[in-house]
Amino acid sequence: MSRLAIAVQYASRSRPLPDEASVCRWARAALTAAARHRPVTLSELTIRYVDRPEARTLNGVFRGKDYPTNVLTFPLSPEVADIAICAAVVRLEARAQKKTVTDHHAHMVVHGVLHAAGFDHETEGEALEMEALEVAALARLGVKNPYE
């Protein structure tokens, strides 16, 4: 796995937001899990925390969906990716799923980074592989299985 430069941007007024050190730790855990399954060339990653209007716009423009979603990943090349996480959606989902907001943020970062590393969940096989990687990365971070 190559060296990874991570930039964390905070464009959200929603609270709580994870600190930069935690976000970087979560991203690196995801890449470590990914690299155990296939070569990873990702070397530059931007993770941006956004509010609902920006998440809705991004989801509309890039996915044709007219609502804010929790996490969107934009692999710009095999080496560079951007991830947008809607903090307000993450907070609401955490409450609905009876998880801590911090644990759900960790899950969204791990999920987004795995997409940036080339993993997907379009087929059942892909979904099982990606979920297993998420669970493994989160377990190393002390976060329980988000699918239980």
C-alpha atoms as a PDB file:
ATOM      1  CA  MET A   1       0.000   0.000   0.000  1.00  0.00           C
ATOM      2  CA  SER A   2       1.336   3.411  -0.956  1.00  0.00           C
ATOM      3  CA  ARG A   3       1.658   6.420   1.330  1.00  0.00           C
ATOM      4  CA  LEU A   4      -1.667   8.126   1.750  1.00  0.00           C
ATOM      5  CA  ALA A   5      -2.211  11.871   2.068  1.00  0.00           C
ATOM      6  CA  ILE A   6      -5.566  12.574   3.713  1.00  0.00           C
ATOM      7  CA  ALA A   7      -7.263  15.970   3.816  1.00  0.00           C
ATOM      8  CA  VAL A   8     -10.313  16.377   6.051  1.00  0.00           C
ATOM      9  CA  GLN A   9     -12.632  19.277   5.329  1.00  0.00           C
ATOM     10  CA  TYR A  10     -15.429  20.518   7.576  1.00  0.00           C
ATOM     11  CA  ALA A  11     -18.162  22.266   5.581  1.00  0.00           C
ATOM     12  CA  SER A  12     -20.934  21.241   7.981  1.00  0.00           C
ATOM     13  CA  ARG A  13     -22.495  22.969  10.937  1.00  0.00           C
ATOM     14  CA  SER A  14     -23.990  19.701  12.134  1.00  0.00           C
ATOM     15  CA  ARG A  15     -22.673  18.341  15.407  1.00  0.00           C
ATOM     16  CA  PRO A  16     -21.023  16.201  16.557  1.00  0.00           C
ATOM     17  CA  LEU A  17     -18.280  15.937  13.950  1.00  0.00           C
ATOM     18  CA  PRO A  18     -15.354  13.560  14.379  1.00  0.00           C
ATOM     19  CA  ASP A  19     -11.900  15.018  14.831  1.00  0.00           C
ATOM     20  CA  GLU A  20      -9.352  14.837  12.029  1.00  0.00           C
ATOM     21  CA  ALA A  21      -7.154  12.281  13.780  1.00  0.00           C
ATOM     22  CA  SER A  22     -10.068   9.853  14.124  1.00  0.00           C
ATOM     23  CA  VAL A  23     -11.109  10.287  10.494  1.00  0.00           C
ATOM     24  CA  CYS A  24      -7.553   9.587   9.337  1.00  0.00           C
ATOM     25  CA  ARG A  25      -7.297   6.530  11.610  1.00  0.00           C
ATOM     26  CA  TRP A  26     -10.575   5.156  10.225  1.00  0.00           C
ATOM     27  CA  ALA A  27      -9.486   5.771   6.622  1.00  0.00           C
ATOM     28  CA  ARG A  28      -6.161   4.027   7.164  1.00  0.00           C
ATOM     29  CA  ALA A  29      -7.895   1.033   8.784  1.00  0.00           C
ATOM     30  CA  ALA A  30     -10.110   0.691   5.709  1.00  0.00           C
ATOM     31  CA  LEU A  31      -7.111   0.844   3.375  1.00  0.00           C
ATOM     32  CA  THR A  32      -5.248  -1.735   5.422  1.00  0.00           C
ATOM     33  CA  ALA A  33      -8.242  -4.091   5.153  1.00  0.00           C
ATOM     34  CA  ALA A  34      -8.527  -3.407   1.407  1.00  0.00           C
ATOM     35  CA  ALA A  35      -4.809  -3.994   0.797  1.00  0.00           C
ATOM     36  CA  ARG A  36      -5.078  -7.459   2.297  1.00  0.00           C
ATOM     37  CA  HIS A  37      -7.388  -8.404  -0.589  1.00  0.00           C
ATOM     38  CA  ARG A  38      -5.972  -6.542  -3.578  1.00  0.00           C
ATOM     39  CA  PRO A  39      -3.316  -3.969  -4.408  1.00  0.00           C
ATOM     40  CA  VAL A  40      -4.318  -0.440  -3.413  1.00  0.00           C
ATOM     41  CA  THR A  41      -2.870   2.530  -5.303  1.00  0.00           C
ATOM     42  CA  LEU A  42      -4.823   5.290  -3.545  1.00  0.00           C
ATOM     43  CA  SER A  43      -2.396   8.018  -2.479  1.00  0.00           C
ATOM     44  CA  GLU A  44      -4.568  11.155  -2.101  1.00  0.00           C
ATOM     45  CA  LEU A  45      -7.899  11.259  -0.318  1.00  0.00           C
ATOM     46  CA  THR A  46     -10.152  14.157   0.638  1.00  0.00           C
ATOM     47  CA  ILE A  47     -12.957  13.520   3.114  1.00  0.00           C
ATOM     48  CA  ARG A  48     -15.425  16.396   3.297  1.00  0.00           C
ATOM     49  CA  TYR A  49     -18.180  16.714   5.901  1.00  0.00           C
ATOM     50  CA  VAL A  50     -21.133  18.478   4.297  1.00  0.00           C
ATOM     51  CA  ASP A  51     -24.605  19.702   5.250  1.00  0.00           C
ATOM     52  CA  ARG A  52     -27.856  18.505   3.720  1.00  0.00           C
ATOM     53  CA  PRO A  53     -28.039  21.014   0.816  1.00  0.00           C
ATOM     54  CA  GLU A  54     -24.576  20.081  -0.479  1.00  0.00           C
ATOM     55  CA  ALA A  55     -25.240  16.358  -0.022  1.00  0.00           C
ATOM     56  CA  ARG A  56     -28.546  16.684  -1.853  1.00  0.00           C
ATOM     57  CA  THR A  57     -26.925  18.582  -4.725  1.00  0.00           C
ATOM     58  CA  LEU A  58     -24.101  16.055  -5.058  1.00  0.00           C
ATOM     59  CA  ASN A  59     -26.523  13.127  -4.915  1.00  0.00           C
ATOM     60  CA  GLY A  60     -28.738  14.783  -7.523  1.00  0.00           C
ATOM     61  CA  VAL A  61     -25.953  15.702  -9.920  1.00  0.00           C
ATOM     62  CA  PHE A  62     -23.985  12.470  -9.708  1.00  0.00           C
ATOM     63  CA  ARG A  63     -26.637   9.842  -8.928  1.00  0.00           C
ATOM     64  CA  GLY A  64     -29.900  11.433 -10.091  1.00  0.00           C
ATOM     65  CA  LYS A  65     -31.377  11.140  -6.586  1.00  0.00           C
ATOM     66  CA  ASP A  66     -33.143  14.153  -5.058  1.00  0.00           C
ATOM     67  CA  TYR A  67     -32.246  13.706  -1.388  1.00  0.00           C
ATOM     68  CA  PRO A  68     -29.182  13.997   0.834  1.00  0.00           C
ATOM     69  CA  THR A  69     -27.448  10.682   1.362  1.00  0.00           C
ATOM     70  CA  ASN A  70     -24.995   9.581   4.055  1.00  0.00           C
ATOM     71  CA  VAL A  71     -21.810   9.084   2.017  1.00  0.00           C
ATOM     72  CA  LEU A  72     -20.750   9.588  -1.590  1.00  0.00           C
ATOM     73  CA  THR A  73     -17.407   8.512  -3.017  1.00  0.00           C
ATOM     74  CA  PHE A  74     -15.834  10.033  -6.097  1.00  0.00           C
ATOM     75  CA  PRO A  75     -12.882   7.987  -7.360  1.00  0.00           C
ATOM     76  CA  LEU A  76     -11.125  10.518  -9.592  1.00  0.00           C
ATOM     77  CA  SER A  77      -8.374   8.082 -10.564  1.00  0.00           C
ATOM     78  CA  PRO A  78      -6.882   4.922  -9.044  1.00  0.00           C
ATOM     79  CA  GLU A  79      -4.686   7.223  -6.929  1.00  0.00           C
ATOM     80  CA  VAL A  80      -7.065  10.069  -5.996  1.00  0.00           C
ATOM     81  CA  ALA A  81     -10.573  10.125  -4.493  1.00  0.00           C
ATOM     82  CA  ASP A  82     -12.971  12.487  -2.786  1.00  0.00           C
ATOM     83  CA  ILE A  83     -15.566  11.439  -0.225  1.00  0.00           C
ATOM     84  CA  ALA A  84     -18.513  13.538   0.941  1.00  0.00           C
ATOM     85  CA  ILE A  85     -20.240  12.607   4.201  1.00  0.00           C
ATOM     86  CA  CYS A  86     -23.462  14.292   5.277  1.00  0.00           C
ATOM     87  CA  ALA A  87     -23.097  14.690   9.033  1.00  0.00           C
ATOM     88  CA  ALA A  88     -26.811  15.383   9.616  1.00  0.00           C
ATOM     89  CA  VAL A  89     -27.849  12.198   7.807  1.00  0.00           C
ATOM     90  CA  VAL A  90     -25.227  10.180   9.701  1.00  0.00           C
ATOM     91  CA  ARG A  91     -26.555  11.549  13.007  1.00  0.00           C
ATOM     92  CA  LEU A  92     -30.172  10.660  12.138  1.00  0.00           C
ATOM     93  CA  GLU A  93     -29.235   7.184  10.917  1.00  0.00           C
ATOM     94  CA  ALA A  94     -27.195   6.513  14.047  1.00  0.00           C
ATOM     95  CA  ARG A  95     -30.156   7.413  16.226  1.00  0.00           C
ATOM     96  CA  ALA A  96     -32.548   5.276  14.148  1.00  0.00           C
ATOM     97  CA  GLN A  97     -30.138   2.318  14.176  1.00  0.00           C
ATOM     98  CA  LYS A  98     -29.356   2.719  17.901  1.00  0.00           C
ATOM     99  CA  LYS A  99     -25.636   3.248  17.250  1.00  0.00           C
ATOM    100  CA  THR A 100     -23.330   5.918  18.547  1.00  0.00           C
ATOM    101  CA  VAL A 101     -22.817   8.803  16.143  1.00  0.00           C
ATOM    102  CA  THR A 102     -19.057   8.272  16.349  1.00  0.00           C
ATOM    103  CA  ASP A 103     -19.337   4.595  15.406  1.00  0.00           C
ATOM    104  CA  HIS A 104     -21.601   5.433  12.478  1.00  0.00           C
ATOM    105  CA  HIS A 105     -19.165   8.121  11.285  1.00  0.00           C
ATOM    106  CA  ALA A 106     -16.400   5.501  11.449  1.00  0.00           C
ATOM    107  CA  HIS A 107     -18.532   3.140   9.374  1.00  0.00           C
ATOM    108  CA  MET A 108     -19.250   5.810   6.744  1.00  0.00           C
ATOM    109  CA  VAL A 109     -15.550   6.675   6.430  1.00  0.00           C
ATOM    110  CA  VAL A 110     -14.602   3.000   6.108  1.00  0.00           C
ATOM    111  CA  HIS A 111     -17.395   2.418   3.576  1.00  0.00           C
ATOM    112  CA  GLY A 112     -16.392   5.439   1.508  1.00  0.00           C
ATOM    113  CA  VAL A 113     -12.708   4.573   1.536  1.00  0.00           C
ATOM    114  CA  LEU A 114     -13.411   1.015   0.402  1.00  0.00           C
ATOM    115  CA  HIS A 115     -15.329   2.455  -2.556  1.00  0.00           C
ATOM    116  CA  ALA A 116     -12.340   4.727  -3.252  1.00  0.00           C
ATOM    117  CA  ALA A 117     -10.124   1.623  -3.224  1.00  0.00           C
ATOM    118  CA  GLY A 118     -12.282   0.001  -5.895  1.00  0.00           C
ATOM    119  CA  PHE A 119     -14.736  -2.089  -3.898  1.00  0.00           C
ATOM    120  CA  ASP A 120     -18.473  -1.987  -4.600  1.00  0.00           C
ATOM    121  CA  HIS A 121     -21.726  -3.643  -3.577  1.00  0.00           C
ATOM    122  CA  GLU A 122     -23.693  -3.867  -6.829  1.00  0.00           C
ATOM    123  CA  THR A 123     -23.886  -7.672  -6.771  1.00  0.00           C
ATOM    124  CA  GLU A 124     -24.471  -9.976  -3.826  1.00  0.00           C
ATOM    125  CA  GLY A 125     -20.898 -11.268  -4.025  1.00  0.00           C
ATOM    126  CA  GLU A 126     -19.463  -7.751  -4.073  1.00  0.00           C
ATOM    127  CA  ALA A 127     -21.690  -6.737  -1.177  1.00  0.00           C
ATOM    128  CA  LEU A 128     -20.603  -9.700   0.933  1.00  0.00           C
ATOM    129  CA  GLU A 129     -16.933  -8.990   0.218  1.00  0.00           C
ATOM    130  CA  MET A 130     -17.260  -5.279   0.996  1.00  0.00           C
ATOM    131  CA  GLU A 131     -19.280  -5.867   4.174  1.00  0.00           C
ATOM    132  CA  ALA A 132     -16.682  -8.382   5.406  1.00  0.00           C
ATOM    133  CA  LEU A 133     -13.937  -5.796   4.851  1.00  0.00           C
ATOM    134  CA  GLU A 134     -15.979  -3.138   6.645  1.00  0.00           C
ATOM    135  CA  VAL A 135     -16.625  -5.426   9.605  1.00  0.00           C
ATOM    136  CA  ALA A 136     -12.932  -6.390   9.810  1.00  0.00           C
ATOM    137  CA  ALA A 137     -11.703  -2.779   9.626  1.00  0.00           C
ATOM    138  CA  LEU A 138     -14.263  -1.600  12.171  1.00  0.00           C
ATOM    139  CA  ALA A 139     -13.457  -4.481  14.544  1.00  0.00           C
ATOM    140  CA  ARG A 140      -9.797  -3.396  14.541  1.00  0.00           C
ATOM    141  CA  LEU A 141     -11.054   0.057  15.537  1.00  0.00           C
ATOM    142  CA  GLY A 142     -13.194  -1.319  18.364  1.00  0.00           C
ATOM    143  CA  VAL A 143     -16.479  -0.702  16.534  1.00  0.00           C
ATOM    144  CA  LYS A 144     -19.037  -3.505  16.593  1.00  0.00           C
ATOM    145  CA  ASN A 145     -20.444  -5.067  13.438  1.00  0.00           C
ATOM    146  CA  PRO A 146     -22.812  -2.470  11.919  1.00  0.00           C
ATOM    147  CA  TYR A 147     -24.809  -5.187  10.150  1.00  0.00           C
ATOM    148  CA  GLU A 148     -25.918  -7.034  13.305  1.00  0.00           C
END
